Every structure is written in structure tokens, then in C-alpha cells.
């Protein structure tokens, strides 16, 4: 029987974007939700936080963004779900 245990993955990537998290080869990812914090203090203009999900062989499988646009200096939290 397969292991159905799930654990959240947490990574804090301060600094310049884009940020990335590489799934170790021994794990399988089942995406239920992704939460990201954004700080637009250094933004040159308004922006739309966008999440791109790629396969291990670099094929794009999802690109999602919220309806809300962030202005220069805005900070916020975006939850990308469900998939």
C-alpha cells in the first residue's frame, strides 16, 4: 500500500524573486495549496504575483495568479488553491 502521509513543505526565501523550491528525487509532490508572502518595497511598478509550476524536465504544468494587483510598496499574502 502506498504511503499516504502528507507533510507541508516550508521554505523562507528572503531576497530577490523568482524563488524556487526543488523537490528531492525521493519525494512525490501532491499540491494542495501554496501560500506566498510578497513585499513590493523594491518594485518598479504595480505587479501581479504569479506562481509557475514545472515538471522535473522543465515543462510548465500550471501558471496561476490572483485577481488582485499589488502597488509599489504593498505587502501581502497570496494563497494559490485549489489545483
PDB file of N, CA and C in Angstrom:
ATOM      1  N   UNK A   1       0.853  -1.167   0.000  1.00  0.00           N
ATOM      2  CA  UNK A   1       0.000   0.000   0.000  1.00  0.00           C
ATOM      3  C   UNK A   1       0.906   1.240   0.000  1.00  0.00           C
ATOM      4  N   UNK A   2       0.593   2.271  -0.816  1.00  0.00           N
ATOM      5  CA  UNK A   2       1.425   3.478  -0.860  1.00  0.00           C
ATOM      6  C   UNK A   2       1.340   4.267   0.438  1.00  0.00           C
ATOM      7  N   UNK A   3       2.382   5.019   0.697  1.00  0.00           N
ATOM      8  CA  UNK A   3       2.425   5.883   1.872  1.00  0.00           C
ATOM      9  C   UNK A   3       1.574   7.126   1.591  1.00  0.00           C
ATOM     10  N   UNK A   4       0.483   7.299   2.309  1.00  0.00           N
ATOM     11  CA  UNK A   4      -0.430   8.420   2.070  1.00  0.00           C
ATOM     12  C   UNK A   4      -0.188   9.586   3.021  1.00  0.00           C
ATOM     13  N   UNK A   5       0.868   9.520   3.801  1.00  0.00           N
ATOM     14  CA  UNK A   5       1.184  10.589   4.742  1.00  0.00           C
ATOM     15  C   UNK A   5       1.616  11.839   3.972  1.00  0.00           C
ATOM     16  N   UNK A   6       1.090  12.961   4.364  1.00  0.00           N
ATOM     17  CA  UNK A   6       1.496  14.219   3.745  1.00  0.00           C
ATOM     18  C   UNK A   6       2.092  15.137   4.793  1.00  0.00           C
ATOM     19  N   UNK A   7       3.030  15.939   4.360  1.00  0.00           N
ATOM     20  CA  UNK A   7       3.680  16.910   5.242  1.00  0.00           C
ATOM     21  C   UNK A   7       3.814  18.219   4.495  1.00  0.00           C
ATOM     22  N   UNK A   8       3.573  19.326   5.160  1.00  0.00           N
ATOM     23  CA  UNK A   8       3.773  20.610   4.494  1.00  0.00           C
ATOM     24  C   UNK A   8       5.254  20.860   4.245  1.00  0.00           C
ATOM     25  N   UNK A   9       5.533  21.569   3.179  1.00  0.00           N
ATOM     26  CA  UNK A   9       6.893  21.994   2.865  1.00  0.00           C
ATOM     27  C   UNK A   9       6.954  23.487   3.146  1.00  0.00           C
ATOM     28  N   UNK A  10       7.928  23.886   3.919  1.00  0.00           N
ATOM     29  CA  UNK A  10       8.087  25.302   4.238  1.00  0.00           C
ATOM     30  C   UNK A  10       9.477  25.729   3.823  1.00  0.00           C
ATOM     31  N   UNK A  11       9.554  26.820   3.114  1.00  0.00           N
ATOM     32  CA  UNK A  11      10.840  27.419   2.797  1.00  0.00           C
ATOM     33  C   UNK A  11      10.679  28.933   2.850  1.00  0.00           C
ATOM     34  N   UNK A  12      11.606  29.587   3.448  1.00  0.00           N
ATOM     35  CA  UNK A  12      11.576  31.044   3.531  1.00  0.00           C
ATOM     36  C   UNK A  12      12.700  31.560   2.650  1.00  0.00           C
ATOM     37  N   UNK A  13      12.337  32.221   1.578  1.00  0.00           N
ATOM     38  CA  UNK A  13      13.317  32.681   0.612  1.00  0.00           C
ATOM     39  C   UNK A  13      13.340  34.206   0.616  1.00  0.00           C
ATOM     40  N   UNK A  14      14.080  34.801   1.538  1.00  0.00           N
ATOM     41  CA  UNK A  14      14.168  36.259   1.513  1.00  0.00           C
ATOM     42  C   UNK A  14      15.028  36.697   0.343  1.00  0.00           C
ATOM     43  N   UNK A  15      14.736  37.857  -0.173  1.00  0.00           N
ATOM     44  CA  UNK A  15      15.572  38.381  -1.251  1.00  0.00           C
ATOM     45  C   UNK A  15      14.832  38.448  -2.567  1.00  0.00           C
ATOM     46  N   UNK A  16      15.628  38.516  -3.612  1.00  0.00           N
ATOM     47  CA  UNK A  16      15.096  38.738  -4.956  1.00  0.00           C
ATOM     48  C   UNK A  16      14.298  37.542  -5.448  1.00  0.00           C
ATOM     49  N   UNK A  17      13.315  37.837  -6.278  1.00  0.00           N
ATOM     50  CA  UNK A  17      12.496  36.810  -6.903  1.00  0.00           C
ATOM     51  C   UNK A  17      12.927  36.645  -8.348  1.00  0.00           C
ATOM     52  N   UNK A  18      12.710  35.558  -9.031  1.00  0.00           N
ATOM     53  CA  UNK A  18      11.844  34.470  -8.601  1.00  0.00           C
ATOM     54  C   UNK A  18      12.550  33.545  -7.612  1.00  0.00           C
ATOM     55  N   UNK A  19      11.773  32.970  -6.729  1.00  0.00           N
ATOM     56  CA  UNK A  19      12.261  31.977  -5.774  1.00  0.00           C
ATOM     57  C   UNK A  19      11.884  30.605  -6.306  1.00  0.00           C
ATOM     58  N   UNK A  20      12.576  29.590  -5.844  1.00  0.00           N
ATOM     59  CA  UNK A  20      12.232  28.246  -6.278  1.00  0.00           C
ATOM     60  C   UNK A  20      12.461  27.245  -5.158  1.00  0.00           C
ATOM     61  N   UNK A  21      11.759  26.135  -5.252  1.00  0.00           N
ATOM     62  CA  UNK A  21      11.950  25.017  -4.341  1.00  0.00           C
ATOM     63  C   UNK A  21      12.019  23.767  -5.209  1.00  0.00           C
ATOM     64  N   UNK A  22      13.098  23.031  -5.116  1.00  0.00           N
ATOM     65  CA  UNK A  22      13.281  21.821  -5.911  1.00  0.00           C
ATOM     66  C   UNK A  22      12.907  20.618  -5.051  1.00  0.00           C
ATOM     67  N   UNK A  23      11.991  19.792  -5.561  1.00  0.00           N
ATOM     68  CA  UNK A  23      11.541  18.604  -4.845  1.00  0.00           C
ATOM     69  C   UNK A  23      12.638  17.542  -4.925  1.00  0.00           C
ATOM     70  N   UNK A  24      13.091  17.019  -3.788  1.00  0.00           N
ATOM     71  CA  UNK A  24      14.083  15.940  -3.826  1.00  0.00           C
ATOM     72  C   UNK A  24      13.566  14.754  -4.626  1.00  0.00           C
ATOM     73  N   UNK A  25      14.453  14.061  -5.316  1.00  0.00           N
ATOM     74  CA  UNK A  25      14.076  12.955  -6.188  1.00  0.00           C
ATOM     75  C   UNK A  25      13.382  11.808  -5.486  1.00  0.00           C
ATOM     76  N   UNK A  26      13.530  11.708  -4.171  1.00  0.00           N
ATOM     77  CA  UNK A  26      12.899  10.613  -3.434  1.00  0.00           C
ATOM     78  C   UNK A  26      11.464  10.923  -3.030  1.00  0.00           C
ATOM     79  N   UNK A  27      10.996  12.134  -3.299  1.00  0.00           N
ATOM     80  CA  UNK A  27       9.652  12.540  -2.891  1.00  0.00           C
ATOM     81  C   UNK A  27       8.745  12.736  -4.091  1.00  0.00           C
ATOM     82  N   UNK A  28       7.459  12.665  -3.835  1.00  0.00           N
ATOM     83  CA  UNK A  28       6.448  12.967  -4.841  1.00  0.00           C
ATOM     84  C   UNK A  28       5.633  14.127  -4.317  1.00  0.00           C
ATOM     85  N   UNK A  29       5.395  15.109  -5.141  1.00  0.00           N
ATOM     86  CA  UNK A  29       4.658  16.288  -4.729  1.00  0.00           C
ATOM     87  C   UNK A  29       3.194  16.170  -5.124  1.00  0.00           C
ATOM     88  N   UNK A  30       2.312  16.358  -4.153  1.00  0.00           N
ATOM     89  CA  UNK A  30       0.875  16.452  -4.390  1.00  0.00           C
ATOM     90  C   UNK A  30       0.490  17.839  -3.897  1.00  0.00           C
ATOM     91  N   UNK A  31       0.235  18.740  -4.817  1.00  0.00           N
ATOM     92  CA  UNK A  31      -0.018  20.130  -4.459  1.00  0.00           C
ATOM     93  C   UNK A  31      -1.458  20.303  -4.002  1.00  0.00           C
ATOM     94  N   UNK A  32      -1.620  20.814  -2.784  1.00  0.00           N
ATOM     95  CA  UNK A  32      -2.950  21.096  -2.260  1.00  0.00           C
ATOM     96  C   UNK A  32      -3.172  22.594  -2.148  1.00  0.00           C
ATOM     97  N   UNK A  33      -2.141  23.328  -1.784  1.00  0.00           N
ATOM     98  CA  UNK A  33      -2.209  24.786  -1.692  1.00  0.00           C
ATOM     99  C   UNK A  33      -0.797  25.315  -1.571  1.00  0.00           C
ATOM    100  N   UNK A  34      -0.600  26.526  -2.040  1.00  0.00           N
ATOM    101  CA  UNK A  34       0.681  27.207  -1.903  1.00  0.00           C
ATOM    102  C   UNK A  34       0.397  28.604  -1.391  1.00  0.00           C
ATOM    103  N   UNK A  35       1.108  28.998  -0.344  1.00  0.00           N
ATOM    104  CA  UNK A  35       0.959  30.330   0.236  1.00  0.00           C
ATOM    105  C   UNK A  35       2.280  31.067   0.040  1.00  0.00           C
ATOM    106  N   UNK A  36       2.207  32.294  -0.416  1.00  0.00           N
ATOM    107  CA  UNK A  36       3.415  33.090  -0.638  1.00  0.00           C
ATOM    108  C   UNK A  36       3.227  34.483  -0.060  1.00  0.00           C
ATOM    109  N   UNK A  37       4.283  34.993   0.548  1.00  0.00           N
ATOM    110  CA  UNK A  37       4.291  36.371   1.054  1.00  0.00           C
ATOM    111  C   UNK A  37       5.036  37.239   0.056  1.00  0.00           C
ATOM    112  N   UNK A  38       4.506  38.421  -0.212  1.00  0.00           N
ATOM    113  CA  UNK A  38       5.123  39.337  -1.162  1.00  0.00           C
ATOM    114  C   UNK A  38       5.381  40.678  -0.504  1.00  0.00           C
ATOM    115  N   UNK A  39       6.510  41.268  -0.839  1.00  0.00           N
ATOM    116  CA  UNK A  39       6.873  42.590  -0.364  1.00  0.00           C
ATOM    117  C   UNK A  39       7.279  43.407  -1.575  1.00  0.00           C
ATOM    118  N   UNK A  40       6.474  44.401  -1.911  1.00  0.00           N
ATOM    119  CA  UNK A  40       6.721  45.205  -3.093  1.00  0.00           C
ATOM    120  C   UNK A  40       7.511  46.470  -2.833  1.00  0.00           C
ATOM    121  N   UNK A  41       8.255  46.511  -1.739  1.00  0.00           N
ATOM    122  CA  UNK A  41       9.003  47.720  -1.391  1.00  0.00           C
ATOM    123  C   UNK A  41       9.992  48.109  -2.483  1.00  0.00           C
ATOM    124  N   UNK A  42      10.568  47.145  -3.172  1.00  0.00           N
ATOM    125  CA  UNK A  42      11.563  47.447  -4.203  1.00  0.00           C
ATOM    126  C   UNK A  42      10.989  47.343  -5.612  1.00  0.00           C
ATOM    127  N   UNK A  43       9.674  47.190  -5.719  1.00  0.00           N
ATOM    128  CA  UNK A  43       9.059  47.051  -7.044  1.00  0.00           C
ATOM    129  C   UNK A  43       9.162  48.357  -7.823  1.00  0.00           C
ATOM    130  N   UNK A  44       9.354  48.220  -9.127  1.00  0.00           N
ATOM    131  CA  UNK A  44       9.440  49.400 -10.000  1.00  0.00           C
ATOM    132  C   UNK A  44       8.054  49.883 -10.418  1.00  0.00           C
ATOM    133  N   UNK A  45       7.047  49.038 -10.241  1.00  0.00           N
ATOM    134  CA  UNK A  45       5.680  49.379 -10.608  1.00  0.00           C
ATOM    135  C   UNK A  45       4.735  48.359 -10.000  1.00  0.00           C
ATOM    136  N   UNK A  46       3.451  48.477 -10.311  1.00  0.00           N
ATOM    137  CA  UNK A  46       2.489  47.513  -9.779  1.00  0.00           C
ATOM    138  C   UNK A  46       2.818  46.132 -10.355  1.00  0.00           C
ATOM    139  N   UNK A  47       2.407  45.078  -9.635  1.00  0.00           N
ATOM    140  CA  UNK A  47       2.750  43.732 -10.080  1.00  0.00           C
ATOM    141  C   UNK A  47       1.664  42.739  -9.694  1.00  0.00           C
ATOM    142  N   UNK A  48       1.628  41.641 -10.429  1.00  0.00           N
ATOM    143  CA  UNK A  48       0.718  40.524 -10.164  1.00  0.00           C
ATOM    144  C   UNK A  48       1.570  39.335  -9.737  1.00  0.00           C
ATOM    145  N   UNK A  49       1.470  38.890  -8.482  1.00  0.00           N
ATOM    146  CA  UNK A  49       2.220  37.712  -8.050  1.00  0.00           C
ATOM    147  C   UNK A  49       1.761  36.506  -8.873  1.00  0.00           C
ATOM    148  N   UNK A  50       2.696  35.800  -9.461  1.00  0.00           N
ATOM    149  CA  UNK A  50       2.370  34.667 -10.319  1.00  0.00           C
ATOM    150  C   UNK A  50       3.113  33.431  -9.855  1.00  0.00           C
ATOM    151  N   UNK A  51       2.420  32.313  -9.781  1.00  0.00           N
ATOM    152  CA  UNK A  51       3.004  31.033  -9.414  1.00  0.00           C
ATOM    153  C   UNK A  51       3.105  30.181 -10.668  1.00  0.00           C
ATOM    154  N   UNK A  52       4.301  29.683 -10.959  1.00  0.00           N
ATOM    155  CA  UNK A  52       4.512  28.760 -12.078  1.00  0.00           C
ATOM    156  C   UNK A  52       4.995  27.442 -11.512  1.00  0.00           C
ATOM    157  N   UNK A  53       4.396  26.350 -11.949  1.00  0.00           N
ATOM    158  CA  UNK A  53       4.790  25.016 -11.512  1.00  0.00           C
ATOM    159  C   UNK A  53       5.299  24.253 -12.725  1.00  0.00           C
ATOM    160  N   UNK A  54       6.502  23.684 -12.566  1.00  0.00           N
ATOM    161  CA  UNK A  54       7.161  22.961 -13.647  1.00  0.00           C
ATOM    162  C   UNK A  54       7.405  21.508 -13.249  1.00  0.00           C
ATOM    163  N   UNK A  55       7.435  20.620 -14.239  1.00  0.00           N
ATOM    164  CA  UNK A  55       7.815  19.232 -14.006  1.00  0.00           C
ATOM    165  C   UNK A  55       9.334  19.170 -13.857  1.00  0.00           C
ATOM    166  N   UNK A  56       9.830  18.000 -13.473  1.00  0.00           N
ATOM    167  CA  UNK A  56      11.273  17.843 -13.303  1.00  0.00           C
ATOM    168  C   UNK A  56      12.030  18.024 -14.608  1.00  0.00           C
ATOM    169  N   UNK A  57      11.370  17.795 -15.739  1.00  0.00           N
ATOM    170  CA  UNK A  57      12.038  18.010 -17.023  1.00  0.00           C
ATOM    171  C   UNK A  57      11.698  19.383 -17.612  1.00  0.00           C
ATOM    172  N   UNK A  58      11.319  20.309 -16.740  1.00  0.00           N
ATOM    173  CA  UNK A  58      11.140  21.735 -17.070  1.00  0.00           C
ATOM    174  C   UNK A  58       9.950  22.030 -17.984  1.00  0.00           C
ATOM    175  N   UNK A  59       8.901  21.219 -17.913  1.00  0.00           N
ATOM    176  CA  UNK A  59       7.666  21.531 -18.651  1.00  0.00           C
ATOM    177  C   UNK A  59       6.708  22.270 -17.734  1.00  0.00           C
ATOM    178  N   UNK A  60       6.156  23.361 -18.212  1.00  0.00           N
ATOM    179  CA  UNK A  60       5.197  24.155 -17.437  1.00  0.00           C
ATOM    180  C   UNK A  60       3.877  23.397 -17.345  1.00  0.00           C
ATOM    181  N   UNK A  61       3.390  23.178 -16.122  1.00  0.00           N
ATOM    182  CA  UNK A  61       2.117  22.476 -15.944  1.00  0.00           C
ATOM    183  C   UNK A  61       1.039  23.380 -15.361  1.00  0.00           C
ATOM    184  N   UNK A  62       1.433  24.492 -14.750  1.00  0.00           N
ATOM    185  CA  UNK A  62       0.434  25.420 -14.207  1.00  0.00           C
ATOM    186  C   UNK A  62       1.056  26.802 -14.060  1.00  0.00           C
ATOM    187  N   UNK A  63       0.262  27.799 -14.345  1.00  0.00           N
ATOM    188  CA  UNK A  63       0.643  29.190 -14.073  1.00  0.00           C
ATOM    189  C   UNK A  63      -0.622  29.891 -13.589  1.00  0.00           C
ATOM    190  N   UNK A  64      -0.606  30.328 -12.337  1.00  0.00           N
ATOM    191  CA  UNK A  64      -1.789  30.943 -11.736  1.00  0.00           C
ATOM    192  C   UNK A  64      -1.421  32.252 -11.066  1.00  0.00           C
ATOM    193  N   UNK A  65      -2.392  33.132 -10.998  1.00  0.00           N
ATOM    194  CA  UNK A  65      -2.192  34.410 -10.324  1.00  0.00           C
ATOM    195  C   UNK A  65      -3.511  34.874  -9.734  1.00  0.00           C
ATOM    196  N   UNK A  66      -3.433  35.695  -8.681  1.00  0.00           N
ATOM    197  CA  UNK A  66      -4.671  36.224  -8.086  1.00  0.00           C
ATOM    198  C   UNK A  66      -5.211  37.361  -8.953  1.00  0.00           C
ATOM    199  N   UNK A  67      -6.435  37.746  -8.692  1.00  0.00           N
ATOM    200  CA  UNK A  67      -7.027  38.878  -9.407  1.00  0.00           C
ATOM    201  C   UNK A  67      -6.500  40.209  -8.909  1.00  0.00           C
ATOM    202  N   UNK A  68      -5.985  40.226  -7.691  1.00  0.00           N
ATOM    203  CA  UNK A  68      -5.535  41.476  -7.076  1.00  0.00           C
ATOM    204  C   UNK A  68      -4.163  41.884  -7.586  1.00  0.00           C
ATOM    205  N   UNK A  69      -4.052  43.127  -7.972  1.00  0.00           N
ATOM    206  CA  UNK A  69      -2.766  43.695  -8.373  1.00  0.00           C
ATOM    207  C   UNK A  69      -2.162  44.400  -7.164  1.00  0.00           C
ATOM    208  N   UNK A  70      -0.869  44.243  -6.952  1.00  0.00           N
ATOM    209  CA  UNK A  70      -0.178  44.891  -5.851  1.00  0.00           C
ATOM    210  C   UNK A  70       0.490  46.160  -6.361  1.00  0.00           C
ATOM    211  N   UNK A  71       0.405  47.232  -5.583  1.00  0.00           N
ATOM    212  CA  UNK A  71       1.045  48.501  -5.935  1.00  0.00           C
ATOM    213  C   UNK A  71       2.453  48.542  -5.351  1.00  0.00           C
ATOM    214  N   UNK A  72       3.264  49.447  -5.858  1.00  0.00           N
ATOM    215  CA  UNK A  72       4.609  49.642  -5.313  1.00  0.00           C
ATOM    216  C   UNK A  72       4.498  49.869  -3.812  1.00  0.00           C
ATOM    217  N   UNK A  73       5.299  49.153  -3.040  1.00  0.00           N
ATOM    218  CA  UNK A  73       5.290  49.299  -1.591  1.00  0.00           C
ATOM    219  C   UNK A  73       4.300  48.407  -0.870  1.00  0.00           C
ATOM    220  N   UNK A  74       3.369  47.777  -1.615  1.00  0.00           N
ATOM    221  CA  UNK A  74       2.401  46.872  -0.979  1.00  0.00           C
ATOM    222  C   UNK A  74       3.078  45.599  -0.492  1.00  0.00           C
ATOM    223  N   UNK A  75       2.558  45.056   0.584  1.00  0.00           N
ATOM    224  CA  UNK A  75       2.933  43.723   1.026  1.00  0.00           C
ATOM    225  C   UNK A  75       1.655  42.916   1.132  1.00  0.00           C
ATOM    226  N   UNK A  76       1.777  41.616   1.026  1.00  0.00           N
ATOM    227  CA  UNK A  76       0.581  40.799   1.128  1.00  0.00           C
ATOM    228  C   UNK A  76       0.900  39.333   1.150  1.00  0.00           C
ATOM    229  N   UNK A  77      -0.130  38.555   1.388  1.00  0.00           N
ATOM    230  CA  UNK A  77      -0.037  37.098   1.389  1.00  0.00           C
ATOM    231  C   UNK A  77      -1.037  36.594   0.369  1.00  0.00           C
ATOM    232  N   UNK A  78      -0.588  35.691  -0.486  1.00  0.00           N
ATOM    233  CA  UNK A  78      -1.456  35.126  -1.521  1.00  0.00           C
ATOM    234  C   UNK A  78      -1.502  33.618  -1.327  1.00  0.00           C
ATOM    235  N   UNK A  79      -2.712  33.065  -1.338  1.00  0.00           N
ATOM    236  CA  UNK A  79      -2.880  31.611  -1.288  1.00  0.00           C
ATOM    237  C   UNK A  79      -3.322  31.142  -2.658  1.00  0.00           C
ATOM    238  N   UNK A  80      -2.567  30.227  -3.219  1.00  0.00           N
ATOM    239  CA  UNK A  80      -2.895  29.645  -4.511  1.00  0.00           C
ATOM    240  C   UNK A  80      -3.510  28.277  -4.235  1.00  0.00           C
ATOM    241  N   UNK A  81      -4.822  28.131  -4.440  1.00  0.00           N
ATOM    242  CA  UNK A  81      -5.516  26.865  -4.197  1.00  0.00           C
ATOM    243  C   UNK A  81      -6.933  26.996  -4.732  1.00  0.00           C
ATOM    244  N   UNK A  82      -7.624  25.969  -5.006  1.00  0.00           N
ATOM    245  CA  UNK A  82      -7.164  24.585  -5.160  1.00  0.00           C
ATOM    246  C   UNK A  82      -6.570  24.379  -6.543  1.00  0.00           C
ATOM    247  N   UNK A  83      -5.981  23.218  -6.706  1.00  0.00           N
ATOM    248  CA  UNK A  83      -5.377  22.866  -8.002  1.00  0.00           C
ATOM    249  C   UNK A  83      -6.160  21.754  -8.627  1.00  0.00           C
TER     250      UNK A  83
END
